[in-house]
Amino acid sequence: MNLTVRANGSNTGVICVGTSPENAADGYILGKGEKSPPIYVDTEHKVYIVGSVKGQGYSWIATK
């Protein structure tokens, strides 16, 4: 499946998208309102999102 993540437009920091909590900061870094390219994963449980500031929001959509 392809997964796309978008950072909320009201965020004050960035969100980082990776394949584990430890490497999320090395993954895609998204500022407010930015969208990731499609990320191929076999399950959404392998995607981790970490915010640089408490309370950062995001939305996602997956397509097969």
Protein backbone atom coordinates (compact mmCIF):
# COMPACT_ATOMS: atom_id res chain seq x y z
CA MET A 1 0.00 0.00 0.00
CA ASN A 2 1.06 3.59 -0.48
CA LEU A 3 0.73 5.87 2.52
CA THR A 4 0.77 9.67 2.37
CA VAL A 5 1.12 11.85 5.49
CA ARG A 6 0.28 15.56 5.77
CA ALA A 7 1.30 17.79 8.67
CA ASN A 8 -1.53 19.95 10.05
CA GLY A 9 -1.48 23.56 8.94
CA SER A 10 -1.73 24.73 12.56
CA ASN A 11 1.45 22.93 13.71
CA THR A 12 4.15 25.10 15.29
CA GLY A 13 6.95 22.56 14.80
CA VAL A 14 7.76 19.77 12.37
CA ILE A 15 6.75 16.13 12.25
CA CYS A 16 9.13 13.37 11.21
CA VAL A 17 8.01 10.17 9.47
CA GLY A 18 10.12 6.99 9.61
CA THR A 19 10.03 3.21 9.92
CA SER A 20 10.79 3.08 13.66
CA PRO A 21 10.62 5.50 16.60
CA GLU A 22 14.42 5.60 16.64
CA ASN A 23 14.88 6.58 12.97
CA ALA A 24 11.82 8.78 12.46
CA ALA A 25 13.99 11.91 12.80
CA ASP A 26 16.05 10.64 9.84
CA GLY A 27 12.96 10.10 7.69
CA TYR A 28 10.71 12.64 5.99
CA ILE A 29 10.59 15.96 7.81
CA LEU A 30 7.34 17.83 7.24
CA GLY A 31 6.64 21.44 8.17
CA LYS A 32 3.11 22.74 8.69
CA GLY A 33 0.83 21.87 5.80
CA GLU A 34 3.48 19.82 3.95
CA LYS A 35 2.71 16.41 2.46
CA SER A 36 5.03 13.41 2.15
CA PRO A 37 5.57 11.62 -1.12
CA PRO A 38 3.82 8.22 -1.29
CA ILE A 39 5.55 5.81 1.10
CA TYR A 40 5.26 2.12 0.18
CA VAL A 41 4.56 -0.11 3.20
CA ASP A 42 2.94 -3.51 3.59
CA THR A 43 1.14 -2.36 6.76
CA GLU A 44 0.54 1.03 8.37
CA HIS A 45 1.88 -0.40 11.64
CA LYS A 46 5.41 0.04 10.25
CA VAL A 47 5.16 3.83 10.04
CA TYR A 48 6.14 6.02 12.99
CA ILE A 49 5.48 9.74 13.31
CA VAL A 50 7.26 11.92 15.85
CA GLY A 51 6.55 15.61 16.48
CA SER A 52 9.24 18.12 17.43
CA VAL A 53 6.76 19.86 19.73
CA LYS A 54 4.04 18.32 21.90
CA GLY A 55 0.62 18.31 20.26
CA GLN A 56 1.67 18.33 16.59
CA GLY A 57 -1.06 16.90 14.38
CA TYR A 58 -1.14 15.05 11.10
CA SER A 59 -3.48 13.16 8.81
CA TRP A 60 -2.81 10.21 6.53
CA ILE A 61 -4.36 8.25 3.72
CA ALA A 62 -3.42 4.82 2.36
CA THR A 63 -4.18 3.38 -1.05
CA LYS A 64 -3.59 -0.11 -2.38
